[in-house]
Amino acid sequence: MSVSSKDLMRIVEGQAYRCALSGVDLSPRMSSLDHKTPASRGGSNELDNLQVIHPVVNYSKARLNNEEFIAMCHAVARTHQDTGNASWADKMMHHKSGGQA
């Protein structure tokens, strides 16, 4: 199945123009089509297996399915929860605004 531009718009609109996994605002330049279950692990190209996510999230997710990726993120967050660092989303918004957060 090929995905049309209308299909992509339906996906992005359904996600309120936010990354399906991180919630970070998406833009045309900062978005990436992703398989919830990777094609390399048997996931289909059907619309219900597709989502639009931030490119950094997609790179980090790699070949994990959504559940595995979220579990990994929880483990990392638990390990670093008391560091007092800004959240990833805060850092991404700071970077996006050219440091004018």
PDB file of N, CA and C in Angstrom:
ATOM      1  N   MET A   1       0.834  -1.179   0.000  1.00  0.00           N
ATOM      2  CA  MET A   1       0.000   0.000   0.000  1.00  0.00           C
ATOM      3  C   MET A   1       0.882   1.246   0.000  1.00  0.00           C
ATOM      4  N   SER A   2       0.569   2.190  -0.844  1.00  0.00           N
ATOM      5  CA  SER A   2       1.289   3.459  -0.803  1.00  0.00           C
ATOM      6  C   SER A   2       0.444   4.454  -0.010  1.00  0.00           C
ATOM      7  N   VAL A   3       1.116   5.353   0.671  1.00  0.00           N
ATOM      8  CA  VAL A   3       0.453   6.340   1.505  1.00  0.00           C
ATOM      9  C   VAL A   3       0.356   7.642   0.725  1.00  0.00           C
ATOM     10  N   SER A   4      -0.843   8.169   0.608  1.00  0.00           N
ATOM     11  CA  SER A   4      -1.053   9.409  -0.135  1.00  0.00           C
ATOM     12  C   SER A   4      -0.837  10.614   0.778  1.00  0.00           C
ATOM     13  N   SER A   5      -0.739  11.780   0.182  1.00  0.00           N
ATOM     14  CA  SER A   5      -0.595  12.998   0.977  1.00  0.00           C
ATOM     15  C   SER A   5      -1.842  13.224   1.828  1.00  0.00           C
ATOM     16  N   LYS A   6      -3.010  12.824   1.334  1.00  0.00           N
ATOM     17  CA  LYS A   6      -4.246  12.932   2.123  1.00  0.00           C
ATOM     18  C   LYS A   6      -4.171  12.015   3.345  1.00  0.00           C
ATOM     19  N   ASP A   7      -3.633  10.817   3.154  1.00  0.00           N
ATOM     20  CA  ASP A   7      -3.459   9.890   4.273  1.00  0.00           C
ATOM     21  C   ASP A   7      -2.544  10.496   5.329  1.00  0.00           C
ATOM     22  N   LEU A   8      -1.430  11.077   4.888  1.00  0.00           N
ATOM     23  CA  LEU A   8      -0.493  11.700   5.820  1.00  0.00           C
ATOM     24  C   LEU A   8      -1.156  12.830   6.602  1.00  0.00           C
ATOM     25  N   MET A   9      -1.932  13.642   5.907  1.00  0.00           N
ATOM     26  CA  MET A   9      -2.617  14.749   6.580  1.00  0.00           C
ATOM     27  C   MET A   9      -3.610  14.227   7.611  1.00  0.00           C
ATOM     28  N   ARG A  10      -4.327  13.156   7.281  1.00  0.00           N
ATOM     29  CA  ARG A  10      -5.265  12.567   8.254  1.00  0.00           C
ATOM     30  C   ARG A  10      -4.533  12.094   9.498  1.00  0.00           C
ATOM     31  N   ILE A  11      -3.365  11.470   9.295  1.00  0.00           N
ATOM     32  CA  ILE A  11      -2.586  10.990  10.438  1.00  0.00           C
ATOM     33  C   ILE A  11      -2.135  12.164  11.295  1.00  0.00           C
ATOM     34  N   VAL A  12      -1.535  13.165  10.667  1.00  0.00           N
ATOM     35  CA  VAL A  12      -1.005  14.324  11.409  1.00  0.00           C
ATOM     36  C   VAL A  12      -2.133  15.090  12.093  1.00  0.00           C
ATOM     37  N   GLU A  13      -3.238  15.294  11.402  1.00  0.00           N
ATOM     38  CA  GLU A  13      -4.372  15.992  12.006  1.00  0.00           C
ATOM     39  C   GLU A  13      -4.929  15.208  13.185  1.00  0.00           C
ATOM     40  N   GLY A  14      -4.986  13.883  13.049  1.00  0.00           N
ATOM     41  CA  GLY A  14      -5.461  13.028  14.140  1.00  0.00           C
ATOM     42  C   GLY A  14      -4.558  13.081  15.365  1.00  0.00           C
ATOM     43  N   GLN A  15      -3.316  13.449  15.150  1.00  0.00           N
ATOM     44  CA  GLN A  15      -2.346  13.592  16.243  1.00  0.00           C
ATOM     45  C   GLN A  15      -2.248  15.051  16.707  1.00  0.00           C
ATOM     46  N   ALA A  16      -3.122  15.903  16.205  1.00  0.00           N
ATOM     47  CA  ALA A  16      -3.130  17.336  16.555  1.00  0.00           C
ATOM     48  C   ALA A  16      -1.778  17.987  16.273  1.00  0.00           C
ATOM     49  N   TYR A  17      -1.137  17.558  15.184  1.00  0.00           N
ATOM     50  CA  TYR A  17       0.151  18.113  14.738  1.00  0.00           C
ATOM     51  C   TYR A  17       1.253  17.965  15.799  1.00  0.00           C
ATOM     52  N   ARG A  18       1.161  16.883  16.563  1.00  0.00           N
ATOM     53  CA  ARG A  18       2.157  16.617  17.600  1.00  0.00           C
ATOM     54  C   ARG A  18       2.733  15.218  17.384  1.00  0.00           C
ATOM     55  N   CYS A  19       3.967  15.036  17.816  1.00  0.00           N
ATOM     56  CA  CYS A  19       4.610  13.720  17.740  1.00  0.00           C
ATOM     57  C   CYS A  19       3.752  12.708  18.496  1.00  0.00           C
ATOM     58  N   ALA A  20       3.481  11.588  17.860  1.00  0.00           N
ATOM     59  CA  ALA A  20       2.637  10.552  18.463  1.00  0.00           C
ATOM     60  C   ALA A  20       3.250   9.966  19.734  1.00  0.00           C
ATOM     61  N   LEU A  21       4.550  10.061  19.888  1.00  0.00           N
ATOM     62  CA  LEU A  21       5.204   9.474  21.058  1.00  0.00           C
ATOM     63  C   LEU A  21       5.664  10.487  22.097  1.00  0.00           C
ATOM     64  N   SER A  22       6.171  11.626  21.672  1.00  0.00           N
ATOM     65  CA  SER A  22       6.710  12.595  22.633  1.00  0.00           C
ATOM     66  C   SER A  22       5.773  13.764  22.904  1.00  0.00           C
ATOM     67  N   GLY A  23       4.833  14.011  22.001  1.00  0.00           N
ATOM     68  CA  GLY A  23       3.934  15.145  22.152  1.00  0.00           C
ATOM     69  C   GLY A  23       4.514  16.468  21.687  1.00  0.00           C
ATOM     70  N   VAL A  24       5.746  16.467  21.191  1.00  0.00           N
ATOM     71  CA  VAL A  24       6.393  17.685  20.699  1.00  0.00           C
ATOM     72  C   VAL A  24       5.684  18.136  19.425  1.00  0.00           C
ATOM     73  N   ASP A  25       5.523  19.458  19.258  1.00  0.00           N
ATOM     74  CA  ASP A  25       4.920  20.006  18.048  1.00  0.00           C
ATOM     75  C   ASP A  25       5.713  19.576  16.821  1.00  0.00           C
ATOM     76  N   LEU A  26       4.981  19.231  15.758  1.00  0.00           N
ATOM     77  CA  LEU A  26       5.614  18.837  14.497  1.00  0.00           C
ATOM     78  C   LEU A  26       5.521  19.973  13.483  1.00  0.00           C
ATOM     79  N   SER A  27       6.473  20.005  12.581  1.00  0.00           N
ATOM     80  CA  SER A  27       6.442  20.897  11.427  1.00  0.00           C
ATOM     81  C   SER A  27       6.788  20.029  10.221  1.00  0.00           C
ATOM     82  N   PRO A  28       6.533  20.515   9.020  1.00  0.00           N
ATOM     83  CA  PRO A  28       6.874  19.696   7.855  1.00  0.00           C
ATOM     84  C   PRO A  28       8.346  19.270   7.834  1.00  0.00           C
ATOM     85  N   ARG A  29       9.235  20.139   8.288  1.00  0.00           N
ATOM     86  CA  ARG A  29      10.667  19.804   8.285  1.00  0.00           C
ATOM     87  C   ARG A  29      11.069  18.919   9.458  1.00  0.00           C
ATOM     88  N   MET A  30      10.279  18.955  10.511  1.00  0.00           N
ATOM     89  CA  MET A  30      10.619  18.188  11.713  1.00  0.00           C
ATOM     90  C   MET A  30       9.556  17.136  11.986  1.00  0.00           C
ATOM     91  N   SER A  31       9.379  16.244  11.016  1.00  0.00           N
ATOM     92  CA  SER A  31       8.439  15.137  11.171  1.00  0.00           C
ATOM     93  C   SER A  31       8.942  13.952  10.361  1.00  0.00           C
ATOM     94  N   SER A  32       8.554  12.768  10.814  1.00  0.00           N
ATOM     95  CA  SER A  32       9.031  11.557  10.175  1.00  0.00           C
ATOM     96  C   SER A  32       7.936  10.491  10.251  1.00  0.00           C
ATOM     97  N   LEU A  33       7.643   9.865   9.124  1.00  0.00           N
ATOM     98  CA  LEU A  33       6.665   8.779   9.103  1.00  0.00           C
ATOM     99  C   LEU A  33       7.303   7.545   9.728  1.00  0.00           C
ATOM    100  N   ASP A  34       6.565   6.894  10.611  1.00  0.00           N
ATOM    101  CA  ASP A  34       7.109   5.761  11.365  1.00  0.00           C
ATOM    102  C   ASP A  34       6.099   4.629  11.410  1.00  0.00           C
ATOM    103  N   HIS A  35       6.616   3.408  11.480  1.00  0.00           N
ATOM    104  CA  HIS A  35       5.786   2.219  11.691  1.00  0.00           C
ATOM    105  C   HIS A  35       5.712   1.953  13.193  1.00  0.00           C
ATOM    106  N   LYS A  36       4.506   1.825  13.734  1.00  0.00           N
ATOM    107  CA  LYS A  36       4.354   1.488  15.157  1.00  0.00           C
ATOM    108  C   LYS A  36       5.041   0.163  15.447  1.00  0.00           C
ATOM    109  N   THR A  37       4.766  -0.825  14.614  1.00  0.00           N
ATOM    110  CA  THR A  37       5.525  -2.075  14.621  1.00  0.00           C
ATOM    111  C   THR A  37       6.373  -2.033  13.360  1.00  0.00           C
ATOM    112  N   PRO A  38       7.705  -2.002  13.508  1.00  0.00           N
ATOM    113  CA  PRO A  38       8.576  -1.840  12.341  1.00  0.00           C
ATOM    114  C   PRO A  38       8.323  -2.881  11.245  1.00  0.00           C
ATOM    115  N   ALA A  39       8.434  -2.424  10.008  1.00  0.00           N
ATOM    116  CA  ALA A  39       8.282  -3.334   8.868  1.00  0.00           C
ATOM    117  C   ALA A  39       9.301  -4.463   8.959  1.00  0.00           C
ATOM    118  N   SER A  40      10.490  -4.162   9.480  1.00  0.00           N
ATOM    119  CA  SER A  40      11.536  -5.178   9.605  1.00  0.00           C
ATOM    120  C   SER A  40      11.176  -6.260  10.617  1.00  0.00           C
ATOM    121  N   ARG A  41      10.132  -6.001  11.418  1.00  0.00           N
ATOM    122  CA  ARG A  41       9.672  -6.982  12.402  1.00  0.00           C
ATOM    123  C   ARG A  41       8.256  -7.446  12.096  1.00  0.00           C
ATOM    124  N   GLY A  42       7.871  -7.315  10.830  1.00  0.00           N
ATOM    125  CA  GLY A  42       6.579  -7.839  10.396  1.00  0.00           C
ATOM    126  C   GLY A  42       5.449  -6.836  10.379  1.00  0.00           C
ATOM    127  N   GLY A  43       5.718  -5.573  10.701  1.00  0.00           N
ATOM    128  CA  GLY A  43       4.678  -4.552  10.676  1.00  0.00           C
ATOM    129  C   GLY A  43       4.273  -4.222   9.251  1.00  0.00           C
ATOM    130  N   SER A  44       3.020  -3.857   9.101  1.00  0.00           N
ATOM    131  CA  SER A  44       2.496  -3.574   7.759  1.00  0.00           C
ATOM    132  C   SER A  44       2.633  -2.095   7.421  1.00  0.00           C
ATOM    133  N   ASN A  45       2.331  -1.785   6.171  1.00  0.00           N
ATOM    134  CA  ASN A  45       2.279  -0.401   5.711  1.00  0.00           C
ATOM    135  C   ASN A  45       0.855   0.143   5.751  1.00  0.00           C
ATOM    136  N   GLU A  46      -0.028  -0.547   6.454  1.00  0.00           N
ATOM    137  CA  GLU A  46      -1.409  -0.089   6.592  1.00  0.00           C
ATOM    138  C   GLU A  46      -1.447   1.135   7.496  1.00  0.00           C
ATOM    139  N   LEU A  47      -2.436   2.001   7.277  1.00  0.00           N
ATOM    140  CA  LEU A  47      -2.525   3.258   8.009  1.00  0.00           C
ATOM    141  C   LEU A  47      -2.573   3.073   9.519  1.00  0.00           C
ATOM    142  N   ASP A  48      -3.210   1.994  10.002  1.00  0.00           N
ATOM    143  CA  ASP A  48      -3.297   1.806  11.452  1.00  0.00           C
ATOM    144  C   ASP A  48      -1.955   1.423  12.077  1.00  0.00           C
ATOM    145  N   ASN A  49      -0.937   1.161  11.271  1.00  0.00           N
ATOM    146  CA  ASN A  49       0.406   0.881  11.785  1.00  0.00           C
ATOM    147  C   ASN A  49       1.358   2.056  11.553  1.00  0.00           C
ATOM    148  N   LEU A  50       0.836   3.165  11.063  1.00  0.00           N
ATOM    149  CA  LEU A  50       1.687   4.319  10.772  1.00  0.00           C
ATOM    150  C   LEU A  50       1.391   5.461  11.732  1.00  0.00           C
ATOM    151  N   GLN A  51       2.429   6.230  12.020  1.00  0.00           N
ATOM    152  CA  GLN A  51       2.307   7.416  12.858  1.00  0.00           C
ATOM    153  C   GLN A  51       3.366   8.408  12.413  1.00  0.00           C
ATOM    154  N   VAL A  52       3.180   9.658  12.771  1.00  0.00           N
ATOM    155  CA  VAL A  52       4.170  10.681  12.456  1.00  0.00           C
ATOM    156  C   VAL A  52       4.814  11.084  13.773  1.00  0.00           C
ATOM    157  N   ILE A  53       6.148  11.045  13.790  1.00  0.00           N
ATOM    158  CA  ILE A  53       6.886  11.361  15.014  1.00  0.00           C
ATOM    159  C   ILE A  53       8.042  12.304  14.688  1.00  0.00           C
ATOM    160  N   HIS A  54       8.599  12.876  15.722  1.00  0.00           N
ATOM    161  CA  HIS A  54       9.752  13.768  15.580  1.00  0.00           C
ATOM    162  C   HIS A  54      10.944  12.937  15.084  1.00  0.00           C
ATOM    163  N   PRO A  55      11.766  13.464  14.181  1.00  0.00           N
ATOM    164  CA  PRO A  55      12.895  12.692  13.636  1.00  0.00           C
ATOM    165  C   PRO A  55      13.857  12.169  14.704  1.00  0.00           C
ATOM    166  N   VAL A  56      14.090  12.927  15.765  1.00  0.00           N
ATOM    167  CA  VAL A  56      14.978  12.450  16.829  1.00  0.00           C
ATOM    168  C   VAL A  56      14.354  11.255  17.542  1.00  0.00           C
ATOM    169  N   VAL A  57      13.048  11.304  17.731  1.00  0.00           N
ATOM    170  CA  VAL A  57      12.337  10.173  18.342  1.00  0.00           C
ATOM    171  C   VAL A  57      12.437   8.964  17.421  1.00  0.00           C
ATOM    172  N   ASN A  58      12.248   9.167  16.126  1.00  0.00           N
ATOM    173  CA  ASN A  58      12.326   8.061  15.172  1.00  0.00           C
ATOM    174  C   ASN A  58      13.717   7.432  15.181  1.00  0.00           C
ATOM    175  N   TYR A  59      14.744   8.258  15.209  1.00  0.00           N
ATOM    176  CA  TYR A  59      16.119   7.743  15.257  1.00  0.00           C
ATOM    177  C   TYR A  59      16.326   6.934  16.541  1.00  0.00           C
ATOM    178  N   SER A  60      15.827   7.444  17.651  1.00  0.00           N
ATOM    179  CA  SER A  60      16.004   6.762  18.934  1.00  0.00           C
ATOM    180  C   SER A  60      15.191   5.472  19.003  1.00  0.00           C
ATOM    181  N   LYS A  61      14.014   5.484  18.423  1.00  0.00           N
ATOM    182  CA  LYS A  61      13.129   4.311  18.446  1.00  0.00           C
ATOM    183  C   LYS A  61      13.717   3.171  17.630  1.00  0.00           C
ATOM    184  N   ALA A  62      14.351   3.515  16.538  1.00  0.00           N
ATOM    185  CA  ALA A  62      15.008   2.525  15.666  1.00  0.00           C
ATOM    186  C   ALA A  62      14.066   1.365  15.341  1.00  0.00           C
ATOM    187  N   ARG A  63      14.435   0.148  15.722  1.00  0.00           N
ATOM    188  CA  ARG A  63      13.656  -1.048  15.384  1.00  0.00           C
ATOM    189  C   ARG A  63      12.731  -1.497  16.509  1.00  0.00           C
ATOM    190  N   LEU A  64      12.545  -0.654  17.522  1.00  0.00           N
ATOM    191  CA  LEU A  64      11.646  -1.015  18.619  1.00  0.00           C
ATOM    192  C   LEU A  64      10.199  -0.767  18.205  1.00  0.00           C
ATOM    193  N   ASN A  65       9.275  -1.553  18.787  1.00  0.00           N
ATOM    194  CA  ASN A  65       7.875  -1.206  18.595  1.00  0.00           C
ATOM    195  C   ASN A  65       7.520  -0.139  19.632  1.00  0.00           C
ATOM    196  N   ASN A  66       6.332   0.422  19.552  1.00  0.00           N
ATOM    197  CA  ASN A  66       5.973   1.511  20.457  1.00  0.00           C
ATOM    198  C   ASN A  66       6.085   1.114  21.926  1.00  0.00           C
ATOM    199  N   GLU A  67       5.602  -0.062  22.278  1.00  0.00           N
ATOM    200  CA  GLU A  67       5.628  -0.500  23.673  1.00  0.00           C
ATOM    201  C   GLU A  67       7.064  -0.634  24.193  1.00  0.00           C
ATOM    202  N   GLU A  68       7.943  -1.194  23.382  1.00  0.00           N
ATOM    203  CA  GLU A  68       9.346  -1.332  23.782  1.00  0.00           C
ATOM    204  C   GLU A  68      10.014   0.036  23.934  1.00  0.00           C
ATOM    205  N   PHE A  69       9.727   0.946  23.005  1.00  0.00           N
ATOM    206  CA  PHE A  69      10.315   2.279  23.064  1.00  0.00           C
ATOM    207  C   PHE A  69       9.842   3.029  24.308  1.00  0.00           C
ATOM    208  N   ILE A  70       8.547   2.967  24.591  1.00  0.00           N
ATOM    209  CA  ILE A  70       8.009   3.654  25.763  1.00  0.00           C
ATOM    210  C   ILE A  70       8.600   3.059  27.037  1.00  0.00           C
ATOM    211  N   ALA A  71       8.736   1.747  27.109  1.00  0.00           N
ATOM    212  CA  ALA A  71       9.353   1.109  28.279  1.00  0.00           C
ATOM    213  C   ALA A  71      10.790   1.581  28.449  1.00  0.00           C
ATOM    214  N   MET A  72      11.531   1.681  27.356  1.00  0.00           N
ATOM    215  CA  MET A  72      12.907   2.164  27.424  1.00  0.00           C
ATOM    216  C   MET A  72      12.940   3.604  27.936  1.00  0.00           C
ATOM    217  N   CYS A  73      12.042   4.441  27.427  1.00  0.00           N
ATOM    218  CA  CYS A  73      12.000   5.840  27.873  1.00  0.00           C
ATOM    219  C   CYS A  73      11.684   5.938  29.351  1.00  0.00           C
ATOM    220  N   HIS A  74      10.770   5.112  29.831  1.00  0.00           N
ATOM    221  CA  HIS A  74      10.441   5.101  31.262  1.00  0.00           C
ATOM    222  C   HIS A  74      11.660   4.707  32.090  1.00  0.00           C
ATOM    223  N   ALA A  75      12.400   3.710  31.631  1.00  0.00           N
ATOM    224  CA  ALA A  75      13.597   3.271  32.360  1.00  0.00           C
ATOM    225  C   ALA A  75      14.636   4.388  32.422  1.00  0.00           C
ATOM    226  N   VAL A  76      14.843   5.078  31.315  1.00  0.00           N
ATOM    227  CA  VAL A  76      15.795   6.185  31.288  1.00  0.00           C
ATOM    228  C   VAL A  76      15.313   7.304  32.214  1.00  0.00           C
ATOM    229  N   ALA A  77      14.031   7.633  32.145  1.00  0.00           N
ATOM    230  CA  ALA A  77      13.478   8.708  32.987  1.00  0.00           C
ATOM    231  C   ALA A  77      13.604   8.361  34.465  1.00  0.00           C
ATOM    232  N   ARG A  78      13.318   7.104  34.839  1.00  0.00           N
ATOM    233  CA  ARG A  78      13.455   6.694  36.247  1.00  0.00           C
ATOM    234  C   ARG A  78      14.888   6.848  36.714  1.00  0.00           C
ATOM    235  N   THR A  79      15.825   6.500  35.873  1.00  0.00           N
ATOM    236  CA  THR A  79      17.240   6.578  36.233  1.00  0.00           C
ATOM    237  C   THR A  79      17.681   8.020  36.452  1.00  0.00           C
ATOM    238  N   HIS A  80      17.078   8.943  35.720  1.00  0.00           N
ATOM    239  CA  HIS A  80      17.524  10.335  35.751  1.00  0.00           C
ATOM    240  C   HIS A  80      16.484  11.301  36.312  1.00  0.00           C
ATOM    241  N   GLN A  81      15.482  10.796  37.016  1.00  0.00           N
ATOM    242  CA  GLN A  81      14.384  11.659  37.457  1.00  0.00           C
ATOM    243  C   GLN A  81      14.789  12.706  38.475  1.00  0.00           C
ATOM    244  N   ASP A  82      15.837  12.494  39.219  1.00  0.00           N
ATOM    245  CA  ASP A  82      16.227  13.443  40.259  1.00  0.00           C
ATOM    246  C   ASP A  82      17.395  14.331  39.851  1.00  0.00           C
ATOM    247  N   THR A  83      17.671  14.432  38.551  1.00  0.00           N
ATOM    248  CA  THR A  83      18.822  15.220  38.118  1.00  0.00           C
ATOM    249  C   THR A  83      18.506  16.702  37.994  1.00  0.00           C
ATOM    250  N   GLY A  84      17.224  17.069  38.001  1.00  0.00           N
ATOM    251  CA  GLY A  84      16.849  18.472  37.884  1.00  0.00           C
ATOM    252  C   GLY A  84      16.998  19.026  36.480  1.00  0.00           C
ATOM    253  N   ASN A  85      17.257  18.182  35.498  1.00  0.00           N
ATOM    254  CA  ASN A  85      17.411  18.645  34.114  1.00  0.00           C
ATOM    255  C   ASN A  85      16.059  18.937  33.490  1.00  0.00           C
ATOM    256  N   ALA A  86      16.034  19.845  32.532  1.00  0.00           N
ATOM    257  CA  ALA A  86      14.815  20.141  31.782  1.00  0.00           C
ATOM    258  C   ALA A  86      14.405  18.906  30.989  1.00  0.00           C
ATOM    259  N   SER A  87      13.126  18.799  30.725  1.00  0.00           N
ATOM    260  CA  SER A  87      12.635  17.666  29.951  1.00  0.00           C
ATOM    261  C   SER A  87      13.140  17.731  28.519  1.00  0.00           C
ATOM    262  N   TRP A  88      13.080  16.595  27.843  1.00  0.00           N
ATOM    263  CA  TRP A  88      13.493  16.537  26.441  1.00  0.00           C
ATOM    264  C   TRP A  88      12.655  17.499  25.614  1.00  0.00           C
ATOM    265  N   ALA A  89      11.351  17.532  25.851  1.00  0.00           N
ATOM    266  CA  ALA A  89      10.484  18.419  25.084  1.00  0.00           C
ATOM    267  C   ALA A  89      10.869  19.879  25.314  1.00  0.00           C
ATOM    268  N   ASP A  90      11.182  20.249  26.566  1.00  0.00           N
ATOM    269  CA  ASP A  90      11.624  21.617  26.847  1.00  0.00           C
ATOM    270  C   ASP A  90      12.895  21.934  26.075  1.00  0.00           C
ATOM    271  N   LYS A  91      13.828  21.000  26.046  1.00  0.00           N
ATOM    272  CA  LYS A  91      15.080  21.220  25.319  1.00  0.00           C
ATOM    273  C   LYS A  91      14.828  21.332  23.821  1.00  0.00           C
ATOM    274  N   MET A  92      13.911  20.521  23.284  1.00  0.00           N
ATOM    275  CA  MET A  92      13.609  20.582  21.859  1.00  0.00           C
ATOM    276  C   MET A  92      12.967  21.923  21.517  1.00  0.00           C
ATOM    277  N   MET A  93      12.074  22.406  22.363  1.00  0.00           N
ATOM    278  CA  MET A  93      11.426  23.690  22.105  1.00  0.00           C
ATOM    279  C   MET A  93      12.449  24.812  22.197  1.00  0.00           C
ATOM    280  N   HIS A  94      13.394  24.717  23.124  1.00  0.00           N
ATOM    281  CA  HIS A  94      14.448  25.717  23.268  1.00  0.00           C
ATOM    282  C   HIS A  94      15.307  25.736  21.996  1.00  0.00           C
ATOM    283  N   HIS A  95      15.667  24.544  21.501  1.00  0.00           N
ATOM    284  CA  HIS A  95      16.468  24.427  20.281  1.00  0.00           C
ATOM    285  C   HIS A  95      15.700  24.985  19.083  1.00  0.00           C
ATOM    286  N   LYS A  96      14.406  24.632  19.003  1.00  0.00           N
ATOM    287  CA  LYS A  96      13.561  25.056  17.875  1.00  0.00           C
ATOM    288  C   LYS A  96      13.444  26.578  17.811  1.00  0.00           C
ATOM    289  N   SER A  97      13.433  27.229  18.984  1.00  0.00           N
ATOM    290  CA  SER A  97      13.261  28.674  19.001  1.00  0.00           C
ATOM    291  C   SER A  97      14.590  29.398  18.898  1.00  0.00           C
ATOM    292  N   GLY A  98      15.664  28.662  18.637  1.00  0.00           N
ATOM    293  CA  GLY A  98      16.971  29.281  18.522  1.00  0.00           C
ATOM    294  C   GLY A  98      17.531  29.728  19.851  1.00  0.00           C
ATOM    295  N   GLY A  99      17.105  29.021  20.926  1.00  0.00           N
ATOM    296  CA  GLY A  99      17.602  29.336  22.254  1.00  0.00           C
ATOM    297  C   GLY A  99      16.805  30.423  22.940  1.00  0.00           C
ATOM    298  N   GLN A 100      15.658  30.785  22.404  1.00  0.00           N
ATOM    299  CA  GLN A 100      14.842  31.857  22.958  1.00  0.00           C
ATOM    300  C   GLN A 100      13.670  31.316  23.758  1.00  0.00           C
ATOM    301  N   ALA A 101      13.869  30.297  24.570  1.00  0.00           N
ATOM    302  CA  ALA A 101      12.761  29.661  25.286  1.00  0.00           C
ATOM    303  C   ALA A 101      12.167  30.535  26.348  1.00  0.00           C
TER     304      ALA A 101
END
